[in-house]
N, C-alpha and C. Protein backbone atom coordinates (compact mmCIF):
# COMPACT_ATOMS: atom_id res chain seq x y z
N MET A 1 -39.97 16.38 -10.12
CA MET A 1 -40.62 15.46 -11.04
C MET A 1 -41.75 16.18 -11.77
N PHE A 2 -42.17 15.58 -12.85
CA PHE A 2 -43.33 16.06 -13.61
C PHE A 2 -44.07 14.84 -14.13
N TYR A 3 -45.40 14.91 -14.09
CA TYR A 3 -46.17 13.83 -14.69
C TYR A 3 -47.49 14.38 -15.21
N LYS A 4 -48.06 13.71 -16.18
CA LYS A 4 -49.39 14.03 -16.67
C LYS A 4 -50.39 13.19 -15.89
N PRO A 5 -51.49 13.77 -15.40
CA PRO A 5 -52.46 12.99 -14.64
C PRO A 5 -53.02 11.79 -15.39
N SER A 6 -52.95 11.83 -16.71
CA SER A 6 -53.46 10.72 -17.52
C SER A 6 -52.45 9.58 -17.64
N GLU A 7 -51.23 9.78 -17.07
CA GLU A 7 -50.18 8.77 -17.17
C GLU A 7 -49.69 8.38 -15.78
N PRO A 8 -49.00 7.23 -15.64
CA PRO A 8 -48.49 6.82 -14.33
C PRO A 8 -47.54 7.84 -13.73
N HIS A 9 -47.65 8.04 -12.39
CA HIS A 9 -46.79 9.00 -11.72
C HIS A 9 -45.59 8.34 -11.03
N GLY A 10 -45.64 7.03 -10.83
CA GLY A 10 -44.51 6.32 -10.27
C GLY A 10 -44.35 6.40 -8.77
N LEU A 11 -45.27 7.08 -8.08
CA LEU A 11 -45.20 7.19 -6.62
C LEU A 11 -46.08 6.12 -5.97
N LYS A 12 -45.95 5.97 -4.66
CA LYS A 12 -46.72 4.95 -3.94
C LYS A 12 -48.22 5.20 -4.03
N HIS A 13 -48.60 6.49 -3.95
CA HIS A 13 -50.01 6.86 -4.02
C HIS A 13 -50.15 8.14 -4.84
N GLY A 14 -51.33 8.36 -5.37
CA GLY A 14 -51.57 9.57 -6.15
C GLY A 14 -51.34 10.82 -5.31
N PRO A 15 -50.52 11.78 -5.82
CA PRO A 15 -50.14 12.94 -5.02
C PRO A 15 -51.08 14.14 -5.13
N PHE A 16 -52.03 14.13 -6.06
CA PHE A 16 -52.82 15.33 -6.33
C PHE A 16 -53.49 15.87 -5.07
N LYS A 17 -54.16 15.01 -4.31
CA LYS A 17 -54.89 15.50 -3.12
C LYS A 17 -53.96 15.89 -1.99
N ALA A 18 -52.71 15.38 -2.04
CA ALA A 18 -51.73 15.81 -1.04
C ALA A 18 -51.17 17.18 -1.39
N ILE A 19 -51.18 17.53 -2.67
CA ILE A 19 -50.68 18.84 -3.09
C ILE A 19 -51.71 19.92 -2.76
N VAL A 20 -52.97 19.66 -3.11
CA VAL A 20 -54.04 20.63 -2.83
C VAL A 20 -54.54 20.38 -1.42
N ALA A 21 -53.82 20.91 -0.45
CA ALA A 21 -54.10 20.61 0.95
C ALA A 21 -53.60 21.76 1.83
N PRO A 22 -54.20 21.97 2.98
CA PRO A 22 -55.32 21.22 3.55
C PRO A 22 -56.66 21.66 2.96
N ARG A 23 -57.66 20.79 3.06
CA ARG A 23 -59.00 21.09 2.57
C ARG A 23 -59.98 20.94 3.72
N PRO A 24 -60.81 21.96 3.98
CA PRO A 24 -61.82 21.81 5.04
C PRO A 24 -62.80 20.71 4.68
N ILE A 25 -63.46 20.19 5.68
CA ILE A 25 -64.38 19.08 5.49
C ILE A 25 -65.81 19.56 5.65
N GLY A 26 -66.60 19.35 4.61
CA GLY A 26 -68.03 19.63 4.71
C GLY A 26 -68.74 18.37 5.15
N TRP A 27 -69.27 18.40 6.35
CA TRP A 27 -70.00 17.24 6.91
C TRP A 27 -71.46 17.45 6.58
N ILE A 28 -71.94 16.81 5.53
CA ILE A 28 -73.21 17.19 4.92
C ILE A 28 -74.35 16.31 5.41
N SER A 29 -75.35 16.95 6.00
CA SER A 29 -76.57 16.23 6.40
C SER A 29 -77.69 16.57 5.42
N THR A 30 -78.40 15.54 5.01
CA THR A 30 -79.49 15.69 4.04
C THR A 30 -80.66 14.81 4.46
N LEU A 31 -81.79 15.04 3.81
CA LEU A 31 -82.97 14.21 3.99
C LEU A 31 -83.40 13.64 2.65
N ALA A 32 -83.74 12.36 2.62
CA ALA A 32 -84.35 11.76 1.44
C ALA A 32 -85.82 12.18 1.39
N THR A 33 -86.45 11.96 0.26
CA THR A 33 -87.86 12.34 0.13
C THR A 33 -88.76 11.56 1.08
N ASP A 34 -88.30 10.38 1.53
CA ASP A 34 -89.10 9.60 2.47
C ASP A 34 -88.77 9.93 3.93
N GLY A 35 -87.92 10.94 4.14
CA GLY A 35 -87.58 11.36 5.49
C GLY A 35 -86.34 10.72 6.08
N THR A 36 -85.70 9.80 5.34
CA THR A 36 -84.48 9.16 5.82
C THR A 36 -83.35 10.18 5.91
N VAL A 37 -82.62 10.16 7.03
CA VAL A 37 -81.53 11.10 7.26
C VAL A 37 -80.22 10.51 6.78
N ASN A 38 -79.38 11.33 6.16
CA ASN A 38 -78.05 10.90 5.74
C ASN A 38 -77.02 11.92 6.21
N LEU A 39 -75.85 11.43 6.60
CA LEU A 39 -74.74 12.29 7.02
C LEU A 39 -73.46 11.74 6.42
N ALA A 40 -72.71 12.59 5.72
CA ALA A 40 -71.48 12.13 5.07
C ALA A 40 -70.48 13.28 4.97
N PRO A 41 -69.18 12.98 5.18
CA PRO A 41 -68.15 14.02 5.06
C PRO A 41 -67.58 14.08 3.63
N PHE A 42 -67.29 15.31 3.19
CA PHE A 42 -66.69 15.52 1.87
C PHE A 42 -65.52 16.47 2.02
N SER A 43 -64.33 16.04 1.55
CA SER A 43 -63.16 16.90 1.67
C SER A 43 -62.91 17.72 0.41
N PHE A 44 -63.62 17.45 -0.68
CA PHE A 44 -63.64 18.39 -1.79
C PHE A 44 -64.73 19.41 -1.46
N PHE A 45 -64.37 20.37 -0.63
CA PHE A 45 -65.35 21.30 -0.08
C PHE A 45 -64.68 22.63 0.23
N ASN A 46 -65.39 23.73 -0.03
CA ASN A 46 -64.87 25.04 0.35
C ASN A 46 -65.91 26.12 0.12
N ALA A 47 -65.58 27.35 0.58
CA ALA A 47 -66.42 28.52 0.34
C ALA A 47 -65.99 29.16 -0.97
N MET A 48 -66.97 29.60 -1.76
CA MET A 48 -66.68 30.15 -3.08
C MET A 48 -67.04 31.63 -3.20
N ALA A 49 -67.93 32.13 -2.37
CA ALA A 49 -68.34 33.53 -2.43
C ALA A 49 -68.88 33.91 -1.06
N GLU A 50 -69.00 35.24 -0.84
CA GLU A 50 -69.42 35.73 0.48
C GLU A 50 -70.77 36.44 0.47
N ASN A 51 -71.13 37.10 -0.64
CA ASN A 51 -72.36 37.89 -0.64
C ASN A 51 -73.16 37.64 -1.91
N PRO A 52 -74.05 36.63 -1.93
CA PRO A 52 -74.39 35.78 -0.79
C PRO A 52 -73.33 34.70 -0.59
N PRO A 53 -73.26 34.14 0.61
CA PRO A 53 -72.29 33.07 0.84
C PRO A 53 -72.65 31.82 0.04
N ILE A 54 -71.67 31.31 -0.68
CA ILE A 54 -71.84 30.11 -1.51
C ILE A 54 -70.79 29.09 -1.12
N VAL A 55 -71.19 27.84 -0.95
CA VAL A 55 -70.25 26.75 -0.72
C VAL A 55 -70.29 25.80 -1.91
N ALA A 56 -69.19 25.10 -2.11
CA ALA A 56 -69.10 24.13 -3.20
C ALA A 56 -68.52 22.84 -2.66
N MET A 57 -69.02 21.72 -3.15
CA MET A 57 -68.46 20.42 -2.75
C MET A 57 -68.50 19.47 -3.93
N GLY A 58 -67.49 18.63 -3.99
CA GLY A 58 -67.42 17.61 -5.01
C GLY A 58 -67.99 16.31 -4.47
N ILE A 59 -69.02 15.80 -5.14
CA ILE A 59 -69.60 14.50 -4.78
C ILE A 59 -69.31 13.57 -5.93
N ASN A 60 -68.37 12.67 -5.72
CA ASN A 60 -67.88 11.81 -6.79
C ASN A 60 -68.13 10.34 -6.46
N GLY A 61 -68.24 9.53 -7.49
CA GLY A 61 -68.37 8.09 -7.26
C GLY A 61 -69.81 7.66 -7.12
N THR A 62 -69.98 6.42 -6.69
CA THR A 62 -71.31 5.82 -6.58
C THR A 62 -71.50 5.19 -5.20
N HIS A 63 -72.74 4.88 -4.88
CA HIS A 63 -73.05 4.19 -3.63
C HIS A 63 -72.74 2.70 -3.77
N SER A 64 -72.37 2.07 -2.66
CA SER A 64 -72.05 0.64 -2.70
C SER A 64 -73.24 -0.22 -3.11
N GLU A 65 -74.45 0.32 -2.93
CA GLU A 65 -75.65 -0.41 -3.32
C GLU A 65 -76.13 -0.02 -4.71
N GLY A 66 -75.31 0.77 -5.41
CA GLY A 66 -75.66 1.20 -6.76
C GLY A 66 -76.26 2.60 -6.78
N GLY A 67 -76.11 3.25 -7.92
CA GLY A 67 -76.67 4.58 -8.08
C GLY A 67 -75.78 5.65 -7.47
N ALA A 68 -76.27 6.89 -7.51
CA ALA A 68 -75.52 8.01 -6.98
C ALA A 68 -75.44 7.93 -5.46
N LYS A 69 -74.50 8.64 -4.88
CA LYS A 69 -74.40 8.71 -3.43
C LYS A 69 -75.65 9.39 -2.86
N ASP A 70 -76.02 9.00 -1.65
CA ASP A 70 -77.25 9.52 -1.05
C ASP A 70 -77.25 11.04 -0.96
N SER A 71 -76.10 11.62 -0.62
CA SER A 71 -76.04 13.08 -0.46
C SER A 71 -76.47 13.78 -1.74
N LEU A 72 -75.96 13.32 -2.88
CA LEU A 72 -76.30 13.94 -4.16
C LEU A 72 -77.78 13.73 -4.49
N ASP A 73 -78.24 12.50 -4.35
CA ASP A 73 -79.65 12.21 -4.63
C ASP A 73 -80.57 13.07 -3.76
N ASN A 74 -80.24 13.17 -2.48
CA ASN A 74 -81.11 13.91 -1.56
C ASN A 74 -81.11 15.41 -1.85
N ILE A 75 -79.93 15.96 -2.13
CA ILE A 75 -79.85 17.39 -2.45
C ILE A 75 -80.61 17.70 -3.73
N GLU A 76 -80.44 16.85 -4.73
CA GLU A 76 -81.15 17.06 -6.00
C GLU A 76 -82.66 17.00 -5.80
N ALA A 77 -83.11 16.11 -4.91
CA ALA A 77 -84.55 15.90 -4.73
C ALA A 77 -85.20 16.95 -3.83
N THR A 78 -84.51 17.34 -2.76
CA THR A 78 -85.13 18.22 -1.77
C THR A 78 -84.64 19.66 -1.83
N LYS A 79 -83.49 19.88 -2.48
CA LYS A 79 -82.90 21.22 -2.65
C LYS A 79 -82.40 21.83 -1.35
N GLU A 80 -82.13 21.00 -0.33
CA GLU A 80 -81.66 21.51 0.96
C GLU A 80 -80.57 20.62 1.52
N PHE A 81 -79.65 21.22 2.29
CA PHE A 81 -78.66 20.46 3.02
C PHE A 81 -78.03 21.35 4.08
N VAL A 82 -77.28 20.72 5.00
CA VAL A 82 -76.57 21.44 6.05
C VAL A 82 -75.11 21.03 6.01
N CYS A 83 -74.21 22.02 6.05
CA CYS A 83 -72.78 21.77 6.22
C CYS A 83 -72.47 21.89 7.71
N ASN A 84 -72.21 20.77 8.34
CA ASN A 84 -71.81 20.77 9.74
C ASN A 84 -70.28 20.77 9.77
N MET A 85 -69.69 21.80 10.32
CA MET A 85 -68.24 21.92 10.27
C MET A 85 -67.61 20.98 11.30
N VAL A 86 -66.46 20.42 10.94
CA VAL A 86 -65.81 19.39 11.76
C VAL A 86 -64.63 19.99 12.52
N SER A 87 -64.66 19.84 13.83
CA SER A 87 -63.54 20.24 14.68
C SER A 87 -62.78 19.00 15.13
N TYR A 88 -61.59 19.22 15.67
CA TYR A 88 -60.72 18.12 16.06
C TYR A 88 -61.41 17.15 17.01
N ASN A 89 -62.24 17.68 17.90
CA ASN A 89 -62.90 16.82 18.89
C ASN A 89 -63.92 15.88 18.27
N LEU A 90 -64.29 16.11 17.01
CA LEU A 90 -65.29 15.26 16.34
C LEU A 90 -64.66 14.38 15.25
N ARG A 91 -63.34 14.26 15.29
CA ARG A 91 -62.65 13.52 14.22
C ARG A 91 -63.10 12.07 14.13
N GLU A 92 -63.27 11.41 15.26
CA GLU A 92 -63.64 9.99 15.23
C GLU A 92 -65.06 9.80 14.72
N GLN A 93 -65.97 10.66 15.15
CA GLN A 93 -67.35 10.55 14.69
C GLN A 93 -67.46 10.84 13.19
N MET A 94 -66.71 11.85 12.74
CA MET A 94 -66.70 12.15 11.32
C MET A 94 -66.21 10.94 10.52
N ASN A 95 -65.14 10.33 11.00
CA ASN A 95 -64.57 9.18 10.29
C ASN A 95 -65.56 8.01 10.26
N LEU A 96 -66.26 7.78 11.35
CA LEU A 96 -67.26 6.71 11.37
C LEU A 96 -68.34 6.96 10.33
N SER A 97 -68.74 8.21 10.20
CA SER A 97 -69.83 8.52 9.25
C SER A 97 -69.38 8.43 7.80
N SER A 98 -68.07 8.28 7.57
CA SER A 98 -67.58 8.15 6.20
C SER A 98 -67.69 6.72 5.68
N ALA A 99 -68.03 5.78 6.55
CA ALA A 99 -68.15 4.38 6.14
C ALA A 99 -69.24 4.22 5.09
N MET A 100 -69.03 3.35 4.11
CA MET A 100 -70.01 3.10 3.07
C MET A 100 -71.08 2.16 3.64
N LEU A 101 -72.03 2.74 4.35
CA LEU A 101 -73.04 1.97 5.05
C LEU A 101 -74.25 1.69 4.15
N PRO A 102 -75.02 0.67 4.48
CA PRO A 102 -76.28 0.45 3.75
C PRO A 102 -77.19 1.66 3.89
N ARG A 103 -78.03 1.88 2.90
CA ARG A 103 -78.93 3.04 2.93
C ARG A 103 -79.87 3.01 4.13
N SER A 104 -80.10 1.84 4.70
CA SER A 104 -81.03 1.72 5.82
C SER A 104 -80.41 2.18 7.15
N VAL A 105 -79.09 2.41 7.18
CA VAL A 105 -78.40 2.76 8.43
C VAL A 105 -78.34 4.28 8.58
N ASP A 106 -78.70 4.76 9.75
CA ASP A 106 -78.65 6.18 10.08
C ASP A 106 -77.24 6.52 10.58
N GLU A 107 -76.51 7.35 9.84
CA GLU A 107 -75.12 7.68 10.21
C GLU A 107 -75.04 8.45 11.53
N PHE A 108 -76.06 9.22 11.86
CA PHE A 108 -76.08 9.90 13.16
C PHE A 108 -76.01 8.87 14.28
N ASP A 109 -76.86 7.87 14.19
CA ASP A 109 -76.88 6.82 15.22
C ASP A 109 -75.59 6.02 15.19
N TYR A 110 -75.11 5.68 14.00
CA TYR A 110 -73.91 4.86 13.86
C TYR A 110 -72.71 5.54 14.48
N ALA A 111 -72.62 6.87 14.35
CA ALA A 111 -71.48 7.61 14.86
C ALA A 111 -71.72 8.18 16.27
N GLY A 112 -72.88 7.92 16.85
CA GLY A 112 -73.17 8.40 18.19
C GLY A 112 -73.37 9.90 18.27
N LEU A 113 -74.05 10.47 17.27
CA LEU A 113 -74.26 11.91 17.20
C LEU A 113 -75.72 12.27 17.46
N THR A 114 -75.95 13.52 17.79
CA THR A 114 -77.28 13.99 18.15
C THR A 114 -77.84 14.87 17.05
N LYS A 115 -79.08 14.60 16.65
CA LYS A 115 -79.76 15.43 15.66
C LYS A 115 -80.33 16.68 16.33
N GLU A 116 -80.09 17.82 15.70
CA GLU A 116 -80.60 19.09 16.18
C GLU A 116 -81.41 19.74 15.05
N PRO A 117 -82.65 20.17 15.32
CA PRO A 117 -83.44 20.79 14.25
C PRO A 117 -82.75 22.03 13.68
N SER A 118 -82.88 22.21 12.38
CA SER A 118 -82.37 23.41 11.73
C SER A 118 -83.42 24.51 11.80
N ALA A 119 -83.01 25.73 11.48
CA ALA A 119 -83.93 26.87 11.58
C ALA A 119 -84.71 27.10 10.28
N LEU A 120 -84.04 26.90 9.13
CA LEU A 120 -84.65 27.28 7.85
C LEU A 120 -84.79 26.14 6.86
N VAL A 121 -84.10 25.03 7.09
CA VAL A 121 -84.17 23.88 6.19
C VAL A 121 -84.57 22.65 7.00
N LYS A 122 -84.98 21.60 6.30
CA LYS A 122 -85.49 20.41 6.97
C LYS A 122 -84.41 19.44 7.47
N PRO A 123 -83.28 19.28 6.77
CA PRO A 123 -82.27 18.35 7.30
C PRO A 123 -81.78 18.79 8.68
N PRO A 124 -81.57 17.83 9.58
CA PRO A 124 -81.08 18.19 10.92
C PRO A 124 -79.60 18.54 10.91
N ARG A 125 -79.19 19.21 11.98
CA ARG A 125 -77.79 19.56 12.18
C ARG A 125 -77.15 18.55 13.15
N VAL A 126 -75.82 18.50 13.12
CA VAL A 126 -75.08 17.73 14.12
C VAL A 126 -74.93 18.63 15.34
N LYS A 127 -75.63 18.30 16.41
CA LYS A 127 -75.65 19.16 17.59
C LYS A 127 -74.25 19.39 18.14
N GLU A 128 -73.38 18.39 18.07
CA GLU A 128 -72.05 18.48 18.65
C GLU A 128 -71.10 19.39 17.86
N SER A 129 -71.47 19.76 16.64
CA SER A 129 -70.62 20.61 15.82
C SER A 129 -70.65 22.05 16.32
N PHE A 130 -69.51 22.75 16.19
CA PHE A 130 -69.41 24.14 16.64
C PHE A 130 -70.07 25.13 15.66
N ALA A 131 -70.23 24.75 14.40
CA ALA A 131 -70.79 25.67 13.41
C ALA A 131 -71.54 24.89 12.34
N HIS A 132 -72.61 25.51 11.85
CA HIS A 132 -73.45 24.87 10.83
C HIS A 132 -73.84 25.90 9.78
N LEU A 133 -73.85 25.48 8.53
CA LEU A 133 -74.30 26.32 7.43
C LEU A 133 -75.53 25.67 6.82
N GLU A 134 -76.69 26.29 7.00
CA GLU A 134 -77.91 25.79 6.38
C GLU A 134 -77.95 26.28 4.94
N CYS A 135 -78.16 25.36 3.99
CA CYS A 135 -77.99 25.69 2.57
C CYS A 135 -79.20 25.27 1.74
N ILE A 136 -79.41 26.04 0.68
CA ILE A 136 -80.35 25.62 -0.36
C ILE A 136 -79.55 25.38 -1.64
N HIS A 137 -79.99 24.41 -2.41
CA HIS A 137 -79.27 24.01 -3.62
C HIS A 137 -79.32 25.11 -4.67
N HIS A 138 -78.17 25.47 -5.17
CA HIS A 138 -78.10 26.48 -6.24
C HIS A 138 -77.95 25.83 -7.60
N LYS A 139 -76.99 24.93 -7.71
CA LYS A 139 -76.72 24.32 -9.01
C LYS A 139 -75.83 23.10 -8.83
N THR A 140 -76.02 22.11 -9.69
CA THR A 140 -75.09 20.98 -9.78
C THR A 140 -74.43 21.01 -11.15
N ILE A 141 -73.12 20.96 -11.16
CA ILE A 141 -72.35 20.97 -12.40
C ILE A 141 -71.70 19.60 -12.57
N ILE A 142 -71.97 18.96 -13.69
CA ILE A 142 -71.36 17.66 -13.97
C ILE A 142 -69.96 17.91 -14.55
N LEU A 143 -68.98 17.31 -13.90
CA LEU A 143 -67.58 17.49 -14.28
C LEU A 143 -67.11 16.33 -15.16
N PRO A 144 -66.00 16.51 -15.87
CA PRO A 144 -65.47 15.41 -16.68
C PRO A 144 -65.12 14.20 -15.82
N SER A 145 -65.26 13.02 -16.40
CA SER A 145 -64.87 11.78 -15.72
C SER A 145 -64.25 10.85 -16.75
N HIS A 146 -63.11 10.26 -16.37
CA HIS A 146 -62.45 9.30 -17.25
C HIS A 146 -62.97 7.88 -17.03
N ASN A 147 -63.89 7.73 -16.09
CA ASN A 147 -64.51 6.43 -15.82
C ASN A 147 -66.00 6.55 -16.12
N PRO A 148 -66.49 5.87 -17.14
CA PRO A 148 -67.90 6.01 -17.51
C PRO A 148 -68.87 5.55 -16.42
N LYS A 149 -68.39 4.77 -15.45
CA LYS A 149 -69.25 4.30 -14.38
C LYS A 149 -69.29 5.28 -13.19
N VAL A 150 -68.44 6.29 -13.23
CA VAL A 150 -68.34 7.23 -12.11
C VAL A 150 -68.70 8.64 -12.58
N VAL A 151 -69.64 9.26 -11.88
CA VAL A 151 -70.01 10.64 -12.17
C VAL A 151 -69.30 11.56 -11.18
N ASN A 152 -68.59 12.55 -11.72
CA ASN A 152 -67.99 13.59 -10.88
C ASN A 152 -68.89 14.82 -10.94
N SER A 153 -69.33 15.28 -9.79
CA SER A 153 -70.25 16.42 -9.77
C SER A 153 -69.78 17.46 -8.75
N MET A 154 -70.08 18.72 -9.05
CA MET A 154 -69.83 19.80 -8.11
C MET A 154 -71.18 20.42 -7.74
N VAL A 155 -71.49 20.40 -6.46
CA VAL A 155 -72.75 20.95 -5.96
C VAL A 155 -72.48 22.32 -5.35
N LEU A 156 -73.22 23.31 -5.79
CA LEU A 156 -73.13 24.66 -5.24
C LEU A 156 -74.37 24.92 -4.39
N GLY A 157 -74.16 25.45 -3.20
CA GLY A 157 -75.27 25.75 -2.31
C GLY A 157 -75.17 27.15 -1.78
N GLU A 158 -76.32 27.83 -1.66
CA GLU A 158 -76.35 29.16 -1.05
C GLU A 158 -76.63 29.00 0.44
N VAL A 159 -75.80 29.62 1.26
CA VAL A 159 -75.96 29.55 2.71
C VAL A 159 -77.05 30.54 3.11
N VAL A 160 -78.12 30.04 3.70
CA VAL A 160 -79.24 30.90 4.10
C VAL A 160 -79.34 31.06 5.61
N GLY A 161 -78.57 30.27 6.35
CA GLY A 161 -78.58 30.37 7.81
C GLY A 161 -77.28 29.86 8.38
N ILE A 162 -76.75 30.56 9.39
CA ILE A 162 -75.47 30.19 9.99
C ILE A 162 -75.62 30.09 11.50
N HIS A 163 -75.19 28.96 12.06
CA HIS A 163 -75.18 28.76 13.51
C HIS A 163 -73.72 28.73 13.98
N ILE A 164 -73.42 29.43 15.05
CA ILE A 164 -72.08 29.41 15.64
C ILE A 164 -72.22 29.20 17.14
N SER A 165 -71.50 28.25 17.68
CA SER A 165 -71.53 28.02 19.12
C SER A 165 -70.88 29.20 19.85
N ASP A 166 -71.55 29.66 20.90
CA ASP A 166 -70.97 30.74 21.73
C ASP A 166 -69.62 30.33 22.30
N GLU A 167 -69.40 29.03 22.40
CA GLU A 167 -68.18 28.51 23.00
C GLU A 167 -66.92 28.92 22.24
N ILE A 168 -67.06 29.19 20.92
CA ILE A 168 -65.88 29.51 20.13
C ILE A 168 -65.80 31.00 19.77
N ILE A 169 -66.71 31.82 20.29
CA ILE A 169 -66.69 33.25 20.02
C ILE A 169 -65.99 33.98 21.17
N VAL A 170 -64.95 34.71 20.85
CA VAL A 170 -64.19 35.48 21.84
C VAL A 170 -63.99 36.88 21.29
N ASP A 171 -64.40 37.89 22.05
CA ASP A 171 -64.26 39.29 21.63
C ASP A 171 -64.85 39.54 20.25
N GLY A 172 -66.00 38.93 20.00
CA GLY A 172 -66.70 39.18 18.75
C GLY A 172 -66.13 38.49 17.53
N MET A 173 -65.20 37.55 17.74
CA MET A 173 -64.60 36.83 16.62
C MET A 173 -64.53 35.33 16.94
N ILE A 174 -64.49 34.53 15.89
CA ILE A 174 -64.31 33.09 16.10
C ILE A 174 -62.86 32.84 16.50
N ASP A 175 -62.67 32.20 17.64
CA ASP A 175 -61.34 31.88 18.16
C ASP A 175 -60.92 30.54 17.55
N MET A 176 -59.97 30.58 16.63
CA MET A 176 -59.56 29.38 15.92
C MET A 176 -58.94 28.33 16.84
N LYS A 177 -58.33 28.77 17.93
CA LYS A 177 -57.73 27.80 18.86
C LYS A 177 -58.80 27.04 19.63
N LYS A 178 -59.98 27.65 19.79
CA LYS A 178 -61.10 26.95 20.40
C LYS A 178 -61.86 26.13 19.35
N TYR A 179 -61.96 26.67 18.16
CA TYR A 179 -62.67 26.03 17.06
C TYR A 179 -61.93 24.78 16.57
N GLN A 180 -60.63 24.88 16.37
CA GLN A 180 -59.78 23.78 15.90
C GLN A 180 -60.38 23.03 14.71
N PRO A 181 -60.66 23.75 13.60
CA PRO A 181 -61.24 23.06 12.44
C PRO A 181 -60.32 21.97 11.90
N LEU A 182 -60.93 20.88 11.52
CA LEU A 182 -60.20 19.73 10.97
C LEU A 182 -60.11 19.87 9.46
N ALA A 183 -59.02 19.42 8.88
CA ALA A 183 -58.84 19.49 7.43
C ALA A 183 -58.23 18.19 6.92
N ARG A 184 -58.52 17.89 5.67
CA ARG A 184 -58.01 16.69 5.02
C ARG A 184 -56.74 17.02 4.26
N LEU A 185 -55.76 16.17 4.40
CA LEU A 185 -54.54 16.25 3.61
C LEU A 185 -54.61 15.18 2.54
N GLY A 186 -53.49 14.68 2.10
CA GLY A 186 -53.50 13.57 1.16
C GLY A 186 -53.55 12.24 1.90
N TYR A 187 -53.77 11.18 1.12
CA TYR A 187 -53.72 9.83 1.67
C TYR A 187 -54.74 9.67 2.82
N MET A 188 -54.35 9.14 3.97
CA MET A 188 -55.25 9.03 5.11
C MET A 188 -54.93 10.07 6.18
N ASP A 189 -54.29 11.15 5.78
CA ASP A 189 -53.78 12.15 6.72
C ASP A 189 -54.75 13.32 6.89
N TYR A 190 -54.78 13.84 8.11
CA TYR A 190 -55.58 15.00 8.47
C TYR A 190 -54.71 15.97 9.27
N CYS A 191 -55.23 17.19 9.46
CA CYS A 191 -54.58 18.13 10.35
C CYS A 191 -55.66 18.98 11.01
N HIS A 192 -55.27 19.72 12.03
CA HIS A 192 -56.20 20.67 12.62
C HIS A 192 -55.44 21.93 13.01
N VAL A 193 -56.18 23.03 13.12
CA VAL A 193 -55.54 24.32 13.36
C VAL A 193 -55.01 24.39 14.78
N GLU A 194 -53.71 24.66 14.92
CA GLU A 194 -53.08 24.88 16.21
C GLU A 194 -52.29 26.18 16.22
N ASP A 195 -51.47 26.39 15.19
CA ASP A 195 -50.64 27.59 15.09
C ASP A 195 -51.30 28.60 14.17
N ILE A 196 -51.39 29.84 14.64
CA ILE A 196 -52.08 30.89 13.89
C ILE A 196 -51.20 32.12 13.83
N PHE A 197 -51.14 32.76 12.66
CA PHE A 197 -50.45 34.05 12.55
C PHE A 197 -51.29 34.98 11.67
N SER A 198 -51.09 36.27 11.82
CA SER A 198 -51.85 37.26 11.06
C SER A 198 -50.94 38.07 10.18
N MET A 199 -51.47 38.52 9.04
CA MET A 199 -50.76 39.44 8.15
C MET A 199 -51.78 40.41 7.58
N ASP A 200 -51.49 41.70 7.65
CA ASP A 200 -52.35 42.71 7.04
C ASP A 200 -52.04 42.79 5.56
N ARG A 201 -53.10 42.98 4.76
CA ARG A 201 -52.91 43.14 3.32
C ARG A 201 -52.18 44.45 3.05
N PRO A 202 -51.21 44.45 2.14
CA PRO A 202 -50.48 45.70 1.84
C PRO A 202 -51.41 46.78 1.28
N VAL A 203 -51.16 48.00 1.68
CA VAL A 203 -51.88 49.15 1.13
C VAL A 203 -50.98 49.81 0.10
N VAL A 204 -51.46 49.88 -1.15
CA VAL A 204 -50.67 50.45 -2.24
C VAL A 204 -51.18 51.85 -2.54
């Protein structure tokens, strides 16, 4: 089949996010200027560069109480955030934190998670997570939107500190079978790493 994204595709659900899959989940913790903590997962998320390490995430849509989503507002205001990486064992807590909660509700408490102080930035980390990327805001790029009420934005952050649990380090490398990173597919589907294979890059 072929379809233009601007026209009906004729399927039960939009296939775009099912095609671009799997996508790692950035579980983003931020602080508002008044000290309120926010935690939210974003599946439009990935690493964009290594030296320095740069992450990118898409923050789209609006808050149920109006205005931009808390994550975007907080990052723009404080210039700091933490990417708490999601493993299979944290799937339920991550999903709970995705609920469109009132701004007065602390997602850490709602999902039964523990706040852990960060080393270089003010937003706390999810203690239960196996890995954390402490970030400072680099740039926000406003993307096209076909809905005037919805802002599509891409936030770029420079990683200034990295935490890795000793539990997932084996022989000086991250053991993916212990890490079991969770990823988003299309629709309401997820996956996690179970089968792993290696390939050396060809030498020409």
